[in-house]
Amino acid sequence: MTDMTTTPEGEPETQVSTRKTTRRGGGDPAARGRTTIADGVVEKIAGLAARDVVGVHAMGGGLARTFGAVRDRVPGSSKSVARGVKAEVGEVQTALDLEIVVDYGVAIADVARAVRENVIAAVERMTGLEVVEVNIAVSDVKLPEEEDEEPEPPRIQ
């Protein structure tokens, strides 16, 4: 910090202040505490990321989808975005198990690869956790003539 004053002759004189500013606490602010992320948070992120992939019809096994469809019809309930996802979250890493239903006619290996890539990218970006594995179980194929157990909500026009 510099202070500008003038000498008796009117010339500017510079004085340097030796006052130091101190930071309270010191160190990196990111190291001043712990952040924990619940399994459910990672499950929701992964569930939404998996649903974004073309070819994924639904998440979860048949029984889970049936109960979910009933629960979704109850007024005031919300759709479970974590259905079909199980996460194990550690301090710096996470592992995920997903159960998906694919649309008939899609290449299952391609859909699984795309789901894996999308889930890893979303979870790592949003949580900072390293995703060590994403296991995908394809539990069903949605045939074109089958009725949906989870009806689409009415679209607003």
N, C-alpha and C. Protein backbone atom coordinates (compact mmCIF):
# COMPACT_ATOMS: atom_id res chain seq x y z
N MET A 1 0.85 -1.16 0.00
CA MET A 1 0.00 0.00 0.00
C MET A 1 0.90 1.22 0.00
N THR A 2 0.61 2.21 -0.85
CA THR A 2 1.44 3.42 -0.91
C THR A 2 0.60 4.62 -0.55
N ASP A 3 1.22 5.54 0.13
CA ASP A 3 0.57 6.80 0.49
C ASP A 3 1.30 7.91 -0.24
N MET A 4 0.56 8.80 -0.90
CA MET A 4 1.18 9.91 -1.63
C MET A 4 1.10 11.16 -0.76
N THR A 5 2.25 11.77 -0.49
CA THR A 5 2.33 13.04 0.22
C THR A 5 3.25 13.96 -0.56
N THR A 6 3.34 15.21 -0.16
CA THR A 6 4.25 16.14 -0.85
C THR A 6 5.31 16.62 0.12
N THR A 7 6.50 16.92 -0.43
CA THR A 7 7.61 17.46 0.36
C THR A 7 7.38 18.94 0.55
N PRO A 8 8.15 19.60 1.46
CA PRO A 8 7.98 21.05 1.64
C PRO A 8 8.18 21.83 0.34
N GLU A 9 8.93 21.29 -0.59
CA GLU A 9 9.16 21.98 -1.87
C GLU A 9 8.01 21.75 -2.84
N GLY A 10 7.00 20.94 -2.47
CA GLY A 10 5.85 20.68 -3.34
C GLY A 10 6.02 19.46 -4.22
N GLU A 11 7.14 18.75 -4.05
CA GLU A 11 7.38 17.56 -4.85
C GLU A 11 6.64 16.37 -4.24
N PRO A 12 6.13 15.45 -5.09
CA PRO A 12 5.46 14.27 -4.52
C PRO A 12 6.48 13.33 -3.87
N GLU A 13 6.10 12.78 -2.76
CA GLU A 13 6.97 11.84 -2.05
C GLU A 13 6.17 10.56 -1.82
N THR A 14 6.81 9.44 -2.08
CA THR A 14 6.13 8.16 -1.92
C THR A 14 6.62 7.49 -0.65
N GLN A 15 5.66 7.05 0.16
CA GLN A 15 6.00 6.30 1.35
C GLN A 15 5.32 4.93 1.23
N VAL A 16 6.08 3.91 1.52
CA VAL A 16 5.54 2.55 1.43
C VAL A 16 5.12 2.11 2.82
N SER A 17 3.91 1.65 2.91
CA SER A 17 3.39 1.16 4.18
C SER A 17 3.87 -0.28 4.37
N THR A 18 4.32 -0.60 5.56
CA THR A 18 4.79 -1.95 5.84
C THR A 18 3.71 -2.78 6.52
N ARG A 19 2.52 -2.26 6.58
CA ARG A 19 1.41 -2.98 7.21
C ARG A 19 1.06 -4.19 6.36
N LYS A 20 0.97 -5.38 6.98
CA LYS A 20 0.64 -6.60 6.27
C LYS A 20 -0.82 -6.95 6.50
N THR A 21 -1.43 -7.49 5.45
CA THR A 21 -2.78 -8.00 5.62
C THR A 21 -2.67 -9.50 5.88
N THR A 22 -3.44 -9.97 6.82
CA THR A 22 -3.40 -11.39 7.14
C THR A 22 -4.72 -12.03 6.76
N ARG A 23 -4.63 -13.26 6.29
CA ARG A 23 -5.82 -14.03 5.97
C ARG A 23 -6.19 -14.86 7.18
N ARG A 24 -7.41 -14.79 7.54
CA ARG A 24 -7.87 -15.60 8.67
C ARG A 24 -8.02 -17.05 8.24
N GLY A 25 -7.65 -17.96 9.12
CA GLY A 25 -7.82 -19.37 8.85
C GLY A 25 -6.69 -19.97 8.04
N GLY A 26 -6.17 -19.24 7.07
CA GLY A 26 -5.06 -19.71 6.26
C GLY A 26 -5.39 -20.98 5.50
N GLY A 27 -4.63 -21.24 4.49
CA GLY A 27 -4.81 -22.47 3.72
C GLY A 27 -5.92 -22.38 2.70
N ASP A 28 -6.07 -23.44 2.00
CA ASP A 28 -7.07 -23.55 0.94
C ASP A 28 -8.47 -23.64 1.54
N PRO A 29 -9.40 -22.77 1.14
CA PRO A 29 -10.76 -22.84 1.68
C PRO A 29 -11.43 -24.19 1.44
N ALA A 30 -11.07 -24.87 0.35
CA ALA A 30 -11.68 -26.16 0.05
C ALA A 30 -11.29 -27.23 1.08
N ALA A 31 -10.20 -27.00 1.80
CA ALA A 31 -9.73 -27.98 2.78
C ALA A 31 -10.26 -27.69 4.18
N ARG A 32 -11.14 -26.74 4.32
CA ARG A 32 -11.67 -26.36 5.63
C ARG A 32 -13.01 -26.99 5.91
N GLY A 33 -13.11 -28.25 5.78
CA GLY A 33 -14.36 -28.94 6.07
C GLY A 33 -14.53 -30.12 5.14
N ARG A 34 -15.61 -30.84 5.37
CA ARG A 34 -15.90 -32.04 4.59
C ARG A 34 -17.22 -31.89 3.87
N THR A 35 -17.28 -32.42 2.69
CA THR A 35 -18.53 -32.49 1.94
C THR A 35 -18.88 -33.95 1.77
N THR A 36 -20.07 -34.32 2.17
CA THR A 36 -20.51 -35.69 1.95
C THR A 36 -21.70 -35.66 0.99
N ILE A 37 -21.74 -36.66 0.14
CA ILE A 37 -22.81 -36.76 -0.85
C ILE A 37 -23.55 -38.06 -0.60
N ALA A 38 -24.83 -37.97 -0.38
CA ALA A 38 -25.65 -39.14 -0.08
C ALA A 38 -25.79 -40.04 -1.30
N ASP A 39 -25.97 -41.32 -1.04
CA ASP A 39 -26.18 -42.28 -2.12
C ASP A 39 -27.34 -41.86 -3.01
N GLY A 40 -28.42 -41.37 -2.41
CA GLY A 40 -29.62 -40.97 -3.15
C GLY A 40 -29.36 -39.84 -4.13
N VAL A 41 -28.44 -38.95 -3.80
CA VAL A 41 -28.11 -37.85 -4.70
C VAL A 41 -27.45 -38.40 -5.96
N VAL A 42 -26.49 -39.28 -5.78
CA VAL A 42 -25.80 -39.90 -6.92
C VAL A 42 -26.79 -40.75 -7.73
N GLU A 43 -27.69 -41.44 -7.05
CA GLU A 43 -28.68 -42.26 -7.74
C GLU A 43 -29.59 -41.41 -8.62
N LYS A 44 -30.01 -40.26 -8.12
CA LYS A 44 -30.88 -39.38 -8.92
C LYS A 44 -30.15 -38.85 -10.14
N ILE A 45 -28.90 -38.41 -9.95
CA ILE A 45 -28.12 -37.89 -11.07
C ILE A 45 -27.94 -38.97 -12.13
N ALA A 46 -27.58 -40.17 -11.69
CA ALA A 46 -27.37 -41.28 -12.63
C ALA A 46 -28.67 -41.67 -13.33
N GLY A 47 -29.78 -41.69 -12.59
CA GLY A 47 -31.06 -42.03 -13.18
C GLY A 47 -31.48 -41.06 -14.27
N LEU A 48 -31.32 -39.79 -14.00
CA LEU A 48 -31.68 -38.78 -15.01
C LEU A 48 -30.75 -38.87 -16.22
N ALA A 49 -29.46 -39.08 -15.98
CA ALA A 49 -28.50 -39.18 -17.10
C ALA A 49 -28.79 -40.40 -17.95
N ALA A 50 -29.16 -41.51 -17.33
CA ALA A 50 -29.47 -42.74 -18.08
C ALA A 50 -30.72 -42.56 -18.92
N ARG A 51 -31.72 -41.90 -18.38
CA ARG A 51 -32.98 -41.70 -19.11
C ARG A 51 -32.80 -40.80 -20.33
N ASP A 52 -31.76 -39.98 -20.34
CA ASP A 52 -31.50 -39.07 -21.46
C ASP A 52 -31.00 -39.80 -22.71
N VAL A 53 -30.60 -41.04 -22.57
CA VAL A 53 -30.01 -41.78 -23.69
C VAL A 53 -31.13 -42.36 -24.57
N VAL A 54 -31.01 -42.14 -25.86
CA VAL A 54 -31.98 -42.68 -26.82
C VAL A 54 -31.88 -44.20 -26.80
N GLY A 55 -33.02 -44.86 -26.69
CA GLY A 55 -33.06 -46.31 -26.64
C GLY A 55 -33.39 -46.84 -25.26
N VAL A 56 -33.26 -45.99 -24.24
CA VAL A 56 -33.64 -46.39 -22.88
C VAL A 56 -35.13 -46.10 -22.74
N HIS A 57 -35.91 -47.14 -22.56
CA HIS A 57 -37.35 -46.96 -22.44
C HIS A 57 -37.75 -46.64 -21.00
N ALA A 58 -37.16 -47.35 -20.05
CA ALA A 58 -37.50 -47.16 -18.63
C ALA A 58 -36.35 -47.65 -17.78
N MET A 59 -36.47 -47.38 -16.49
CA MET A 59 -35.47 -47.81 -15.52
C MET A 59 -36.13 -48.74 -14.52
N GLY A 60 -35.39 -49.76 -14.09
CA GLY A 60 -35.87 -50.68 -13.07
C GLY A 60 -36.44 -51.95 -13.67
N GLY A 61 -36.59 -52.96 -12.83
CA GLY A 61 -37.16 -54.23 -13.25
C GLY A 61 -38.67 -54.15 -13.32
N GLY A 62 -39.29 -55.20 -13.76
CA GLY A 62 -40.74 -55.22 -13.94
C GLY A 62 -41.52 -54.91 -12.69
N LEU A 63 -41.17 -55.55 -11.58
CA LEU A 63 -41.89 -55.33 -10.33
C LEU A 63 -41.72 -53.90 -9.82
N ALA A 64 -40.49 -53.39 -9.89
CA ALA A 64 -40.24 -52.01 -9.45
C ALA A 64 -41.01 -51.02 -10.30
N ARG A 65 -41.08 -51.28 -11.62
CA ARG A 65 -41.82 -50.37 -12.50
C ARG A 65 -43.31 -50.42 -12.22
N THR A 66 -43.83 -51.61 -11.92
CA THR A 66 -45.25 -51.75 -11.61
C THR A 66 -45.60 -50.97 -10.35
N PHE A 67 -44.82 -51.18 -9.29
CA PHE A 67 -45.07 -50.44 -8.05
C PHE A 67 -44.88 -48.94 -8.26
N GLY A 68 -43.90 -48.60 -9.06
CA GLY A 68 -43.65 -47.19 -9.34
C GLY A 68 -44.79 -46.55 -10.10
N ALA A 69 -45.37 -47.28 -11.05
CA ALA A 69 -46.49 -46.74 -11.82
C ALA A 69 -47.69 -46.51 -10.92
N VAL A 70 -47.93 -47.42 -9.97
CA VAL A 70 -49.02 -47.24 -9.01
C VAL A 70 -48.74 -46.05 -8.12
N ARG A 71 -47.53 -45.96 -7.60
CA ARG A 71 -47.15 -44.85 -6.72
C ARG A 71 -47.25 -43.51 -7.44
N ASP A 72 -46.88 -43.49 -8.73
CA ASP A 72 -46.92 -42.24 -9.49
C ASP A 72 -48.33 -41.72 -9.69
N ARG A 73 -49.33 -42.60 -9.61
CA ARG A 73 -50.72 -42.19 -9.78
C ARG A 73 -51.31 -41.60 -8.51
N VAL A 74 -50.64 -41.78 -7.38
CA VAL A 74 -51.12 -41.24 -6.11
C VAL A 74 -50.92 -39.72 -6.13
N PRO A 75 -51.98 -38.96 -5.87
CA PRO A 75 -51.85 -37.50 -5.87
C PRO A 75 -50.81 -37.05 -4.85
N GLY A 76 -49.98 -36.12 -5.26
CA GLY A 76 -48.97 -35.56 -4.37
C GLY A 76 -47.66 -36.31 -4.38
N SER A 77 -47.61 -37.48 -5.02
CA SER A 77 -46.35 -38.22 -5.07
C SER A 77 -45.54 -37.74 -6.27
N SER A 78 -44.25 -37.96 -6.21
CA SER A 78 -43.41 -37.55 -7.33
C SER A 78 -42.78 -38.79 -7.95
N LYS A 79 -42.46 -38.69 -9.22
CA LYS A 79 -41.86 -39.80 -9.94
C LYS A 79 -40.47 -40.07 -9.39
N SER A 80 -40.16 -41.32 -9.18
CA SER A 80 -38.85 -41.68 -8.63
C SER A 80 -37.82 -41.71 -9.75
N VAL A 81 -36.94 -40.71 -9.77
CA VAL A 81 -35.91 -40.67 -10.80
C VAL A 81 -34.78 -41.63 -10.50
N ALA A 82 -34.73 -42.14 -9.27
CA ALA A 82 -33.66 -43.06 -8.88
C ALA A 82 -34.06 -44.52 -9.06
N ARG A 83 -35.28 -44.78 -9.54
CA ARG A 83 -35.73 -46.16 -9.74
C ARG A 83 -34.77 -46.87 -10.70
N GLY A 84 -34.35 -48.06 -10.32
CA GLY A 84 -33.45 -48.84 -11.17
C GLY A 84 -31.99 -48.49 -11.00
N VAL A 85 -31.66 -47.66 -10.01
CA VAL A 85 -30.27 -47.25 -9.79
C VAL A 85 -29.88 -47.53 -8.34
N LYS A 86 -28.74 -48.12 -8.15
CA LYS A 86 -28.18 -48.36 -6.83
C LYS A 86 -26.76 -47.82 -6.83
N ALA A 87 -26.45 -46.96 -5.87
CA ALA A 87 -25.11 -46.36 -5.78
C ALA A 87 -24.47 -46.72 -4.45
N GLU A 88 -23.18 -46.94 -4.50
CA GLU A 88 -22.36 -47.08 -3.31
C GLU A 88 -21.37 -45.93 -3.36
N VAL A 89 -21.49 -45.00 -2.40
CA VAL A 89 -20.68 -43.79 -2.42
C VAL A 89 -19.67 -43.83 -1.30
N GLY A 90 -18.41 -43.63 -1.65
CA GLY A 90 -17.34 -43.51 -0.68
C GLY A 90 -16.94 -42.05 -0.54
N GLU A 91 -15.77 -41.80 0.01
CA GLU A 91 -15.32 -40.42 0.18
C GLU A 91 -14.93 -39.76 -1.12
N VAL A 92 -14.31 -40.52 -2.03
CA VAL A 92 -13.85 -39.93 -3.29
C VAL A 92 -14.29 -40.73 -4.52
N GLN A 93 -14.91 -41.89 -4.31
CA GLN A 93 -15.30 -42.74 -5.43
C GLN A 93 -16.73 -43.23 -5.26
N THR A 94 -17.32 -43.64 -6.37
CA THR A 94 -18.65 -44.24 -6.33
C THR A 94 -18.74 -45.35 -7.38
N ALA A 95 -19.59 -46.32 -7.10
CA ALA A 95 -19.88 -47.40 -8.04
C ALA A 95 -21.39 -47.46 -8.21
N LEU A 96 -21.84 -47.75 -9.41
CA LEU A 96 -23.27 -47.72 -9.72
C LEU A 96 -23.73 -49.01 -10.39
N ASP A 97 -24.93 -49.43 -10.04
CA ASP A 97 -25.62 -50.53 -10.70
C ASP A 97 -26.92 -49.97 -11.26
N LEU A 98 -27.14 -50.17 -12.55
CA LEU A 98 -28.36 -49.69 -13.20
C LEU A 98 -29.10 -50.85 -13.82
N GLU A 99 -30.43 -50.79 -13.73
CA GLU A 99 -31.28 -51.76 -14.38
C GLU A 99 -32.16 -51.00 -15.36
N ILE A 100 -32.05 -51.37 -16.64
CA ILE A 100 -32.76 -50.60 -17.67
C ILE A 100 -33.64 -51.50 -18.52
N VAL A 101 -34.61 -50.87 -19.17
CA VAL A 101 -35.44 -51.50 -20.19
C VAL A 101 -35.15 -50.74 -21.48
N VAL A 102 -34.82 -51.48 -22.53
CA VAL A 102 -34.49 -50.83 -23.79
C VAL A 102 -35.63 -50.98 -24.78
N ASP A 103 -35.67 -50.08 -25.74
CA ASP A 103 -36.66 -50.15 -26.81
C ASP A 103 -36.26 -51.25 -27.79
N TYR A 104 -37.26 -51.95 -28.33
CA TYR A 104 -37.01 -53.00 -29.31
C TYR A 104 -36.35 -52.40 -30.54
N GLY A 105 -35.34 -53.09 -31.05
CA GLY A 105 -34.69 -52.67 -32.29
C GLY A 105 -33.39 -51.91 -32.10
N VAL A 106 -33.10 -51.48 -30.89
CA VAL A 106 -31.85 -50.75 -30.67
C VAL A 106 -30.72 -51.75 -30.42
N ALA A 107 -29.50 -51.33 -30.70
CA ALA A 107 -28.34 -52.15 -30.41
C ALA A 107 -28.05 -52.02 -28.92
N ILE A 108 -28.29 -53.08 -28.17
CA ILE A 108 -28.18 -53.03 -26.71
C ILE A 108 -26.78 -52.64 -26.26
N ALA A 109 -25.76 -53.17 -26.93
CA ALA A 109 -24.38 -52.82 -26.54
C ALA A 109 -24.12 -51.32 -26.72
N ASP A 110 -24.64 -50.74 -27.80
CA ASP A 110 -24.47 -49.30 -28.04
C ASP A 110 -25.21 -48.47 -27.01
N VAL A 111 -26.43 -48.89 -26.67
CA VAL A 111 -27.21 -48.17 -25.66
C VAL A 111 -26.50 -48.25 -24.31
N ALA A 112 -26.01 -49.44 -23.95
CA ALA A 112 -25.31 -49.61 -22.67
C ALA A 112 -24.06 -48.74 -22.63
N ARG A 113 -23.30 -48.68 -23.73
CA ARG A 113 -22.10 -47.84 -23.78
C ARG A 113 -22.48 -46.36 -23.60
N ALA A 114 -23.52 -45.93 -24.30
CA ALA A 114 -23.96 -44.53 -24.21
C ALA A 114 -24.45 -44.19 -22.80
N VAL A 115 -25.19 -45.12 -22.18
CA VAL A 115 -25.67 -44.91 -20.81
C VAL A 115 -24.47 -44.77 -19.88
N ARG A 116 -23.52 -45.69 -20.01
CA ARG A 116 -22.33 -45.67 -19.15
C ARG A 116 -21.59 -44.34 -19.29
N GLU A 117 -21.37 -43.90 -20.53
CA GLU A 117 -20.64 -42.64 -20.77
C GLU A 117 -21.40 -41.44 -20.20
N ASN A 118 -22.71 -41.40 -20.43
CA ASN A 118 -23.52 -40.27 -19.97
C ASN A 118 -23.59 -40.21 -18.44
N VAL A 119 -23.74 -41.37 -17.82
CA VAL A 119 -23.83 -41.43 -16.36
C VAL A 119 -22.50 -41.02 -15.74
N ILE A 120 -21.40 -41.55 -16.25
CA ILE A 120 -20.09 -41.20 -15.70
C ILE A 120 -19.84 -39.71 -15.82
N ALA A 121 -20.11 -39.15 -16.99
CA ALA A 121 -19.87 -37.72 -17.20
C ALA A 121 -20.71 -36.87 -16.24
N ALA A 122 -21.99 -37.20 -16.10
CA ALA A 122 -22.88 -36.40 -15.25
C ALA A 122 -22.49 -36.51 -13.78
N VAL A 123 -22.26 -37.72 -13.31
CA VAL A 123 -21.94 -37.92 -11.89
C VAL A 123 -20.60 -37.27 -11.54
N GLU A 124 -19.58 -37.47 -12.38
CA GLU A 124 -18.27 -36.89 -12.07
C GLU A 124 -18.32 -35.36 -12.14
N ARG A 125 -19.05 -34.82 -13.11
CA ARG A 125 -19.12 -33.36 -13.25
C ARG A 125 -19.86 -32.73 -12.07
N MET A 126 -20.96 -33.35 -11.66
CA MET A 126 -21.79 -32.73 -10.63
C MET A 126 -21.31 -32.99 -9.20
N THR A 127 -20.64 -34.13 -8.99
CA THR A 127 -20.26 -34.48 -7.62
C THR A 127 -18.78 -34.39 -7.35
N GLY A 128 -17.97 -34.49 -8.39
CA GLY A 128 -16.52 -34.52 -8.19
C GLY A 128 -16.02 -35.90 -7.78
N LEU A 129 -16.93 -36.86 -7.63
CA LEU A 129 -16.54 -38.21 -7.28
C LEU A 129 -16.01 -38.94 -8.52
N GLU A 130 -15.08 -39.85 -8.31
CA GLU A 130 -14.61 -40.69 -9.41
C GLU A 130 -15.55 -41.89 -9.52
N VAL A 131 -16.10 -42.09 -10.70
CA VAL A 131 -16.97 -43.25 -10.93
C VAL A 131 -16.07 -44.41 -11.34
N VAL A 132 -15.98 -45.42 -10.48
CA VAL A 132 -15.08 -46.54 -10.75
C VAL A 132 -15.73 -47.61 -11.61
N GLU A 133 -17.06 -47.75 -11.54
CA GLU A 133 -17.73 -48.70 -12.40
C GLU A 133 -19.21 -48.37 -12.51
N VAL A 134 -19.75 -48.70 -13.68
CA VAL A 134 -21.18 -48.60 -13.92
C VAL A 134 -21.62 -49.93 -14.51
N ASN A 135 -22.29 -50.74 -13.70
CA ASN A 135 -22.79 -52.04 -14.15
C ASN A 135 -24.22 -51.86 -14.64
N ILE A 136 -24.49 -52.38 -15.83
CA ILE A 136 -25.81 -52.21 -16.43
C ILE A 136 -26.44 -53.58 -16.66
N ALA A 137 -27.65 -53.75 -16.15
CA ALA A 137 -28.42 -54.96 -16.37
C ALA A 137 -29.63 -54.58 -17.22
N VAL A 138 -29.74 -55.19 -18.38
CA VAL A 138 -30.91 -54.97 -19.24
C VAL A 138 -31.93 -56.02 -18.84
N SER A 139 -33.02 -55.57 -18.21
CA SER A 139 -33.99 -56.50 -17.65
C SER A 139 -35.17 -56.78 -18.58
N ASP A 140 -35.34 -55.95 -19.62
CA ASP A 140 -36.48 -56.15 -20.50
C ASP A 140 -36.29 -55.37 -21.79
N VAL A 141 -37.08 -55.75 -22.79
CA VAL A 141 -37.14 -55.04 -24.06
C VAL A 141 -38.58 -54.60 -24.26
N LYS A 142 -38.78 -53.33 -24.53
CA LYS A 142 -40.12 -52.78 -24.76
C LYS A 142 -40.47 -53.02 -26.21
N LEU A 143 -41.47 -53.90 -26.43
CA LEU A 143 -41.95 -54.19 -27.78
C LEU A 143 -42.93 -53.11 -28.21
N PRO A 144 -42.98 -52.82 -29.49
CA PRO A 144 -43.86 -51.74 -29.96
C PRO A 144 -45.32 -51.93 -29.60
N GLU A 145 -45.82 -53.18 -29.57
CA GLU A 145 -47.24 -53.40 -29.31
C GLU A 145 -47.58 -53.48 -27.84
N GLU A 146 -46.59 -53.48 -26.94
CA GLU A 146 -46.85 -53.55 -25.50
C GLU A 146 -47.35 -52.21 -24.99
N GLU A 147 -48.27 -52.28 -24.03
CA GLU A 147 -48.73 -51.05 -23.39
C GLU A 147 -47.71 -50.59 -22.39
N ASP A 148 -47.62 -49.30 -22.23
CA ASP A 148 -46.73 -48.74 -21.22
C ASP A 148 -47.32 -48.92 -19.85
N GLU A 149 -46.48 -49.35 -18.89
CA GLU A 149 -46.92 -49.41 -17.49
C GLU A 149 -46.85 -48.03 -16.87
N GLU A 150 -46.03 -47.18 -17.47
CA GLU A 150 -45.87 -45.81 -16.98
C GLU A 150 -46.40 -44.87 -18.04
N PRO A 151 -47.67 -44.49 -17.97
CA PRO A 151 -48.21 -43.61 -19.00
C PRO A 151 -47.53 -42.24 -18.97
N GLU A 152 -47.38 -41.69 -20.14
CA GLU A 152 -46.79 -40.35 -20.24
C GLU A 152 -47.77 -39.34 -19.65
N PRO A 153 -47.26 -38.33 -18.94
CA PRO A 153 -48.16 -37.32 -18.43
C PRO A 153 -48.78 -36.55 -19.60
N PRO A 154 -50.00 -36.03 -19.44
CA PRO A 154 -50.61 -35.29 -20.53
C PRO A 154 -49.79 -34.05 -20.87
N ARG A 155 -49.64 -33.81 -22.14
CA ARG A 155 -48.85 -32.66 -22.59
C ARG A 155 -49.71 -31.41 -22.58
N ILE A 156 -49.13 -30.33 -22.15
CA ILE A 156 -49.84 -29.04 -22.13
C ILE A 156 -49.74 -28.42 -23.51
N GLN A 157 -50.89 -28.00 -24.05
CA GLN A 157 -50.90 -27.43 -25.39
C GLN A 157 -51.14 -25.96 -25.33
